[in-house]
Amino acid sequence: MYSPEEAADYLGVHVKTVRGWIRDGRLRASRLAGQRALRIRSSDLQAVLEPLQPGEQA
């Protein structure tokens, strides 16, 4: 599980981009019980790395 900051580093984007993707539903994230911090599964990061469909924007 990755924090948004770790996910941004892994994906090579700014943490604000990761948070925007989470807000927009492009990247799934969850909160661990009793914590405010978001966590992102590695499988969800891999899904973001899949090629975009024609006409989609990053």
PDB file of N, CA and C in Angstrom:
ATOM      1  N   MET A   1       0.850  -1.177   0.000  1.00  0.00           N
ATOM      2  CA  MET A   1       0.000   0.000   0.000  1.00  0.00           C
ATOM      3  C   MET A   1       0.894   1.239   0.000  1.00  0.00           C
ATOM      4  N   TYR A   2       0.498   2.215  -0.769  1.00  0.00           N
ATOM      5  CA  TYR A   2       1.276   3.437  -0.941  1.00  0.00           C
ATOM      6  C   TYR A   2       0.507   4.645  -0.406  1.00  0.00           C
ATOM      7  N   SER A   3       1.234   5.602   0.111  1.00  0.00           N
ATOM      8  CA  SER A   3       0.641   6.897   0.436  1.00  0.00           C
ATOM      9  C   SER A   3       0.524   7.679  -0.873  1.00  0.00           C
ATOM     10  N   PRO A   4      -0.267   8.750  -0.911  1.00  0.00           N
ATOM     11  CA  PRO A   4      -0.320   9.564  -2.125  1.00  0.00           C
ATOM     12  C   PRO A   4       1.058  10.096  -2.532  1.00  0.00           C
ATOM     13  N   GLU A   5       1.879  10.438  -1.564  1.00  0.00           N
ATOM     14  CA  GLU A   5       3.222  10.940  -1.866  1.00  0.00           C
ATOM     15  C   GLU A   5       4.080   9.847  -2.503  1.00  0.00           C
ATOM     16  N   GLU A   6       4.009   8.632  -1.960  1.00  0.00           N
ATOM     17  CA  GLU A   6       4.767   7.510  -2.518  1.00  0.00           C
ATOM     18  C   GLU A   6       4.246   7.142  -3.902  1.00  0.00           C
ATOM     19  N   ALA A   7       2.929   7.197  -4.076  1.00  0.00           N
ATOM     20  CA  ALA A   7       2.328   6.898  -5.369  1.00  0.00           C
ATOM     21  C   ALA A   7       2.772   7.912  -6.418  1.00  0.00           C
ATOM     22  N   ALA A   8       2.825   9.182  -6.041  1.00  0.00           N
ATOM     23  CA  ALA A   8       3.269  10.224  -6.968  1.00  0.00           C
ATOM     24  C   ALA A   8       4.705   9.968  -7.404  1.00  0.00           C
ATOM     25  N   ASP A   9       5.557   9.605  -6.472  1.00  0.00           N
ATOM     26  CA  ASP A   9       6.949   9.303  -6.794  1.00  0.00           C
ATOM     27  C   ASP A   9       7.026   8.098  -7.729  1.00  0.00           C
ATOM     28  N   TYR A  10       6.267   7.070  -7.439  1.00  0.00           N
ATOM     29  CA  TYR A  10       6.238   5.853  -8.251  1.00  0.00           C
ATOM     30  C   TYR A  10       5.772   6.144  -9.679  1.00  0.00           C
ATOM     31  N   LEU A  11       4.742   6.987  -9.804  1.00  0.00           N
ATOM     32  CA  LEU A  11       4.166   7.299 -11.108  1.00  0.00           C
ATOM     33  C   LEU A  11       4.897   8.416 -11.839  1.00  0.00           C
ATOM     34  N   GLY A  12       5.752   9.143 -11.125  1.00  0.00           N
ATOM     35  CA  GLY A  12       6.485  10.245 -11.750  1.00  0.00           C
ATOM     36  C   GLY A  12       5.633  11.480 -11.978  1.00  0.00           C
ATOM     37  N   VAL A  13       4.668  11.701 -11.092  1.00  0.00           N
ATOM     38  CA  VAL A  13       3.801  12.876 -11.193  1.00  0.00           C
ATOM     39  C   VAL A  13       3.799  13.605  -9.855  1.00  0.00           C
ATOM     40  N   HIS A  14       3.212  14.780  -9.824  1.00  0.00           N
ATOM     41  CA  HIS A  14       3.118  15.561  -8.586  1.00  0.00           C
ATOM     42  C   HIS A  14       2.031  14.970  -7.698  1.00  0.00           C
ATOM     43  N   VAL A  15       2.192  15.100  -6.411  1.00  0.00           N
ATOM     44  CA  VAL A  15       1.210  14.563  -5.463  1.00  0.00           C
ATOM     45  C   VAL A  15      -0.171  15.191  -5.672  1.00  0.00           C
ATOM     46  N   LYS A  16      -0.228  16.438  -6.121  1.00  0.00           N
ATOM     47  CA  LYS A  16      -1.526  17.064  -6.407  1.00  0.00           C
ATOM     48  C   LYS A  16      -2.233  16.345  -7.553  1.00  0.00           C
ATOM     49  N   THR A  17      -1.465  15.829  -8.503  1.00  0.00           N
ATOM     50  CA  THR A  17      -2.045  15.056  -9.600  1.00  0.00           C
ATOM     51  C   THR A  17      -2.674  13.781  -9.061  1.00  0.00           C
ATOM     52  N   VAL A  18      -1.959  13.088  -8.191  1.00  0.00           N
ATOM     53  CA  VAL A  18      -2.484  11.858  -7.586  1.00  0.00           C
ATOM     54  C   VAL A  18      -3.757  12.156  -6.804  1.00  0.00           C
ATOM     55  N   ARG A  19      -3.744  13.205  -6.008  1.00  0.00           N
ATOM     56  CA  ARG A  19      -4.940  13.550  -5.227  1.00  0.00           C
ATOM     57  C   ARG A  19      -6.114  13.910  -6.146  1.00  0.00           C
ATOM     58  N   GLY A  20      -5.834  14.567  -7.255  1.00  0.00           N
ATOM     59  CA  GLY A  20      -6.880  14.880  -8.229  1.00  0.00           C
ATOM     60  C   GLY A  20      -7.456  13.626  -8.863  1.00  0.00           C
ATOM     61  N   TRP A  21      -6.593  12.677  -9.201  1.00  0.00           N
ATOM     62  CA  TRP A  21      -7.060  11.410  -9.769  1.00  0.00           C
ATOM     63  C   TRP A  21      -7.937  10.666  -8.769  1.00  0.00           C
ATOM     64  N   ILE A  22      -7.564  10.712  -7.488  1.00  0.00           N
ATOM     65  CA  ILE A  22      -8.376  10.067  -6.451  1.00  0.00           C
ATOM     66  C   ILE A  22      -9.734  10.759  -6.370  1.00  0.00           C
ATOM     67  N   ARG A  23      -9.724  12.079  -6.334  1.00  0.00           N
ATOM     68  CA  ARG A  23     -10.969  12.856  -6.246  1.00  0.00           C
ATOM     69  C   ARG A  23     -11.870  12.599  -7.458  1.00  0.00           C
ATOM     70  N   ASP A  24     -11.259  12.481  -8.654  1.00  0.00           N
ATOM     71  CA  ASP A  24     -12.022  12.282  -9.885  1.00  0.00           C
ATOM     72  C   ASP A  24     -12.428  10.827 -10.119  1.00  0.00           C
ATOM     73  N   GLY A  25     -11.927   9.920  -9.283  1.00  0.00           N
ATOM     74  CA  GLY A  25     -12.268   8.513  -9.428  1.00  0.00           C
ATOM     75  C   GLY A  25     -11.382   7.733 -10.371  1.00  0.00           C
ATOM     76  N   ARG A  26     -10.357   8.352 -10.892  1.00  0.00           N
ATOM     77  CA  ARG A  26      -9.446   7.657 -11.811  1.00  0.00           C
ATOM     78  C   ARG A  26      -8.517   6.707 -11.064  1.00  0.00           C
ATOM     79  N   LEU A  27      -8.212   7.029  -9.820  1.00  0.00           N
ATOM     80  CA  LEU A  27      -7.325   6.220  -8.989  1.00  0.00           C
ATOM     81  C   LEU A  27      -8.052   5.896  -7.690  1.00  0.00           C
ATOM     82  N   ARG A  28      -8.139   4.614  -7.377  1.00  0.00           N
ATOM     83  CA  ARG A  28      -8.815   4.188  -6.147  1.00  0.00           C
ATOM     84  C   ARG A  28      -7.882   4.341  -4.957  1.00  0.00           C
ATOM     85  N   ALA A  29      -8.439   4.761  -3.851  1.00  0.00           N
ATOM     86  CA  ALA A  29      -7.697   4.884  -2.598  1.00  0.00           C
ATOM     87  C   ALA A  29      -8.653   4.582  -1.460  1.00  0.00           C
ATOM     88  N   SER A  30      -8.100   4.173  -0.343  1.00  0.00           N
ATOM     89  CA  SER A  30      -8.932   3.882   0.825  1.00  0.00           C
ATOM     90  C   SER A  30      -8.244   4.393   2.075  1.00  0.00           C
ATOM     91  N   ARG A  31      -9.023   4.486   3.115  1.00  0.00           N
ATOM     92  CA  ARG A  31      -8.494   4.892   4.418  1.00  0.00           C
ATOM     93  C   ARG A  31      -8.441   3.661   5.308  1.00  0.00           C
ATOM     94  N   LEU A  32      -7.344   3.506   6.015  1.00  0.00           N
ATOM     95  CA  LEU A  32      -7.234   2.414   6.970  1.00  0.00           C
ATOM     96  C   LEU A  32      -8.093   2.744   8.181  1.00  0.00           C
ATOM     97  N   ALA A  33      -8.593   1.741   8.837  1.00  0.00           N
ATOM     98  CA  ALA A  33      -9.483   1.927   9.985  1.00  0.00           C
ATOM     99  C   ALA A  33      -8.864   2.850  11.024  1.00  0.00           C
ATOM    100  N   GLY A  34      -9.603   3.892  11.375  1.00  0.00           N
ATOM    101  CA  GLY A  34      -9.163   4.813  12.413  1.00  0.00           C
ATOM    102  C   GLY A  34      -8.099   5.802  11.979  1.00  0.00           C
ATOM    103  N   GLN A  35      -7.811   5.877  10.680  1.00  0.00           N
ATOM    104  CA  GLN A  35      -6.780   6.797  10.201  1.00  0.00           C
ATOM    105  C   GLN A  35      -7.350   7.715   9.126  1.00  0.00           C
ATOM    106  N   ARG A  36      -6.800   8.908   9.053  1.00  0.00           N
ATOM    107  CA  ARG A  36      -7.200   9.854   8.006  1.00  0.00           C
ATOM    108  C   ARG A  36      -6.415   9.627   6.728  1.00  0.00           C
ATOM    109  N   ALA A  37      -5.234   9.046   6.859  1.00  0.00           N
ATOM    110  CA  ALA A  37      -4.324   8.911   5.722  1.00  0.00           C
ATOM    111  C   ALA A  37      -4.898   7.989   4.645  1.00  0.00           C
ATOM    112  N   LEU A  38      -4.754   8.407   3.396  1.00  0.00           N
ATOM    113  CA  LEU A  38      -5.170   7.591   2.261  1.00  0.00           C
ATOM    114  C   LEU A  38      -4.088   6.577   1.934  1.00  0.00           C
ATOM    115  N   ARG A  39      -4.501   5.419   1.454  1.00  0.00           N
ATOM    116  CA  ARG A  39      -3.580   4.387   1.005  1.00  0.00           C
ATOM    117  C   ARG A  39      -4.056   3.874  -0.342  1.00  0.00           C
ATOM    118  N   ILE A  40      -3.094   3.577  -1.214  1.00  0.00           N
ATOM    119  CA  ILE A  40      -3.381   3.159  -2.579  1.00  0.00           C
ATOM    120  C   ILE A  40      -2.725   1.803  -2.809  1.00  0.00           C
ATOM    121  N   ARG A  41      -3.480   0.864  -3.333  1.00  0.00           N
ATOM    122  CA  ARG A  41      -2.946  -0.476  -3.615  1.00  0.00           C
ATOM    123  C   ARG A  41      -2.045  -0.435  -4.853  1.00  0.00           C
ATOM    124  N   SER A  42      -1.050  -1.303  -4.871  1.00  0.00           N
ATOM    125  CA  SER A  42      -0.139  -1.353  -6.014  1.00  0.00           C
ATOM    126  C   SER A  42      -0.886  -1.747  -7.289  1.00  0.00           C
ATOM    127  N   SER A  43      -1.903  -2.599  -7.182  1.00  0.00           N
ATOM    128  CA  SER A  43      -2.674  -2.989  -8.364  1.00  0.00           C
ATOM    129  C   SER A  43      -3.415  -1.788  -8.961  1.00  0.00           C
ATOM    130  N   ASP A  44      -3.854  -0.865  -8.112  1.00  0.00           N
ATOM    131  CA  ASP A  44      -4.519   0.340  -8.610  1.00  0.00           C
ATOM    132  C   ASP A  44      -3.523   1.277  -9.284  1.00  0.00           C
ATOM    133  N   LEU A  45      -2.286   1.300  -8.795  1.00  0.00           N
ATOM    134  CA  LEU A  45      -1.246   2.098  -9.456  1.00  0.00           C
ATOM    135  C   LEU A  45      -0.945   1.520 -10.835  1.00  0.00           C
ATOM    136  N   GLN A  46      -0.875   0.203 -10.920  1.00  0.00           N
ATOM    137  CA  GLN A  46      -0.611  -0.438 -12.209  1.00  0.00           C
ATOM    138  C   GLN A  46      -1.715  -0.124 -13.211  1.00  0.00           C
ATOM    139  N   ALA A  47      -2.954  -0.074 -12.745  1.00  0.00           N
ATOM    140  CA  ALA A  47      -4.075   0.231 -13.635  1.00  0.00           C
ATOM    141  C   ALA A  47      -3.944   1.632 -14.229  1.00  0.00           C
ATOM    142  N   VAL A  48      -3.403   2.566 -13.456  1.00  0.00           N
ATOM    143  CA  VAL A  48      -3.212   3.934 -13.951  1.00  0.00           C
ATOM    144  C   VAL A  48      -2.128   3.962 -15.025  1.00  0.00           C
ATOM    145  N   LEU A  49      -1.177   3.044 -14.931  1.00  0.00           N
ATOM    146  CA  LEU A  49      -0.083   3.013 -15.897  1.00  0.00           C
ATOM    147  C   LEU A  49      -0.483   2.416 -17.239  1.00  0.00           C
ATOM    148  N   GLU A  50      -1.644   1.757 -17.310  1.00  0.00           N
ATOM    149  CA  GLU A  50      -2.102   1.190 -18.572  1.00  0.00           C
ATOM    150  C   GLU A  50      -2.292   2.317 -19.583  1.00  0.00           C
ATOM    151  N   PRO A  51      -2.037   2.009 -20.847  1.00  0.00           N
ATOM    152  CA  PRO A  51      -2.171   3.060 -21.876  1.00  0.00           C
ATOM    153  C   PRO A  51      -3.567   3.671 -21.898  1.00  0.00           C
ATOM    154  N   LEU A  52      -3.605   4.949 -22.161  1.00  0.00           N
ATOM    155  CA  LEU A  52      -4.881   5.659 -22.282  1.00  0.00           C
ATOM    156  C   LEU A  52      -5.586   5.248 -23.560  1.00  0.00           C
ATOM    157  N   GLN A  53      -6.891   5.279 -23.537  1.00  0.00           N
ATOM    158  CA  GLN A  53      -7.686   5.024 -24.725  1.00  0.00           C
ATOM    159  C   GLN A  53      -7.607   6.259 -25.628  1.00  0.00           C
ATOM    160  N   PRO A  54      -7.720   6.088 -26.943  1.00  0.00           N
ATOM    161  CA  PRO A  54      -7.688   7.249 -27.836  1.00  0.00           C
ATOM    162  C   PRO A  54      -8.723   8.290 -27.416  1.00  0.00           C
ATOM    163  N   GLY A  55      -8.307   9.530 -27.381  1.00  0.00           N
ATOM    164  CA  GLY A  55      -9.191  10.622 -27.019  1.00  0.00           C
ATOM    165  C   GLY A  55      -9.200  10.961 -25.548  1.00  0.00           C
ATOM    166  N   GLU A  56      -8.603  10.110 -24.689  1.00  0.00           N
ATOM    167  CA  GLU A  56      -8.542  10.401 -23.259  1.00  0.00           C
ATOM    168  C   GLU A  56      -7.361  11.302 -22.963  1.00  0.00           C
ATOM    169  N   GLN A  57      -7.511  12.094 -21.908  1.00  0.00           N
ATOM    170  CA  GLN A  57      -6.427  12.957 -21.459  1.00  0.00           C
ATOM    171  C   GLN A  57      -5.860  12.422 -20.165  1.00  0.00           C
ATOM    172  N   ALA A  58      -4.583  12.672 -19.960  1.00  0.00           N
ATOM    173  CA  ALA A  58      -3.922  12.227 -18.727  1.00  0.00           C
ATOM    174  C   ALA A  58      -4.372  13.036 -17.549  1.00  0.00           C
TER     175      ALA A  58
END
